[in-house]
Amino acid sequence: MEVRIGIQNVSRELSVETNASAADVAKLVEAAAAGSIFTLDDIKGGTVLVPSHSLAYVEIGEESKRRVGFGG
């Protein structure tokens, strides 16, 4: 699933592909609002850390479907 993260005072958004469900991402955003860091693991094993006071928005995409074929 794709998650787009807007950060205050930054003109570009972060786009992260993750295996987490929409519900899991929503829980992470809620926890970040009460804490100090928003943490999300991407599909390649990396981790994105954003200070929660810098979050402008988090847009949660649809669940990824398995791709079939050679399409781009």
Protein backbone atom coordinates (compact mmCIF):
# COMPACT_ATOMS: atom_id res chain seq x y z
CA MET A 1 0.00 0.00 0.00
CA GLU A 2 1.18 3.52 -0.69
CA VAL A 3 1.28 6.05 2.14
CA ARG A 4 1.94 9.72 1.37
CA ILE A 5 3.26 11.86 4.20
CA GLY A 6 3.16 15.64 4.17
CA ILE A 7 5.70 17.42 6.34
CA GLN A 8 5.32 21.00 7.50
CA ASN A 9 7.57 23.54 5.76
CA VAL A 10 8.67 20.95 3.16
CA SER A 11 7.37 21.37 -0.39
CA ARG A 12 7.59 17.68 -1.34
CA GLU A 13 5.72 14.83 0.26
CA LEU A 14 7.22 11.45 1.19
CA SER A 15 5.78 8.44 -0.59
CA VAL A 16 6.28 5.09 1.16
CA GLU A 17 5.26 1.62 -0.03
CA THR A 18 4.49 -0.54 2.99
CA ASN A 19 3.11 -3.98 3.75
CA ALA A 20 1.18 -2.58 6.73
CA SER A 21 -2.61 -2.50 6.48
CA ALA A 22 -4.58 0.75 6.39
CA ALA A 23 -5.74 0.08 9.95
CA ASP A 24 -2.15 -0.44 11.13
CA VAL A 25 -1.00 2.82 9.51
CA ALA A 26 -3.93 4.68 11.08
CA LYS A 27 -2.95 3.31 14.51
CA LEU A 28 0.65 4.45 13.96
CA VAL A 29 -0.54 7.97 13.08
CA GLU A 30 -2.76 8.09 16.18
CA ALA A 31 0.13 6.90 18.36
CA ALA A 32 2.43 9.53 16.82
CA ALA A 33 -0.08 12.27 17.66
CA ALA A 34 0.24 11.31 21.33
CA GLY A 35 3.98 10.64 21.17
CA SER A 36 6.98 12.19 19.54
CA ILE A 37 7.83 10.12 16.42
CA PHE A 38 5.84 8.66 13.49
CA THR A 39 7.56 5.44 12.37
CA LEU A 40 6.70 3.41 9.27
CA ASP A 41 8.57 0.44 7.73
CA ASP A 42 8.75 0.27 3.93
CA ILE A 43 8.62 -2.85 1.74
CA LYS A 44 12.38 -2.84 1.18
CA GLY A 45 13.21 -3.11 4.88
CA GLY A 46 13.85 0.59 5.46
CA THR A 47 12.23 2.73 8.13
CA VAL A 48 10.83 6.26 7.85
CA LEU A 49 10.91 8.37 11.01
CA VAL A 50 9.13 11.76 11.15
CA PRO A 51 8.82 13.91 14.27
CA SER A 52 5.08 14.02 14.99
CA HIS A 53 5.08 17.82 15.46
CA SER A 54 6.23 18.09 11.80
CA LEU A 55 3.41 16.00 10.31
CA ALA A 56 1.09 18.00 8.09
CA TYR A 57 -0.95 15.01 6.84
CA VAL A 58 -0.78 11.27 6.19
CA GLU A 59 -2.70 9.94 3.19
CA ILE A 60 -3.33 6.20 3.23
CA GLY A 61 -3.82 4.56 -0.19
CA GLU A 62 -5.75 1.45 -1.06
CA GLU A 63 -4.47 -2.01 -0.24
CA SER A 64 -2.04 -3.19 -2.93
CA LYS A 65 -3.25 -5.85 -5.33
CA ARG A 66 -0.86 -8.45 -6.65
CA ARG A 67 0.45 -7.42 -10.05
CA VAL A 68 0.23 -9.90 -12.91
CA GLY A 69 2.10 -9.74 -16.20
CA PHE A 70 4.73 -7.41 -17.55
CA GLY A 71 2.90 -4.08 -17.32
CA GLY A 72 4.74 -0.96 -16.24
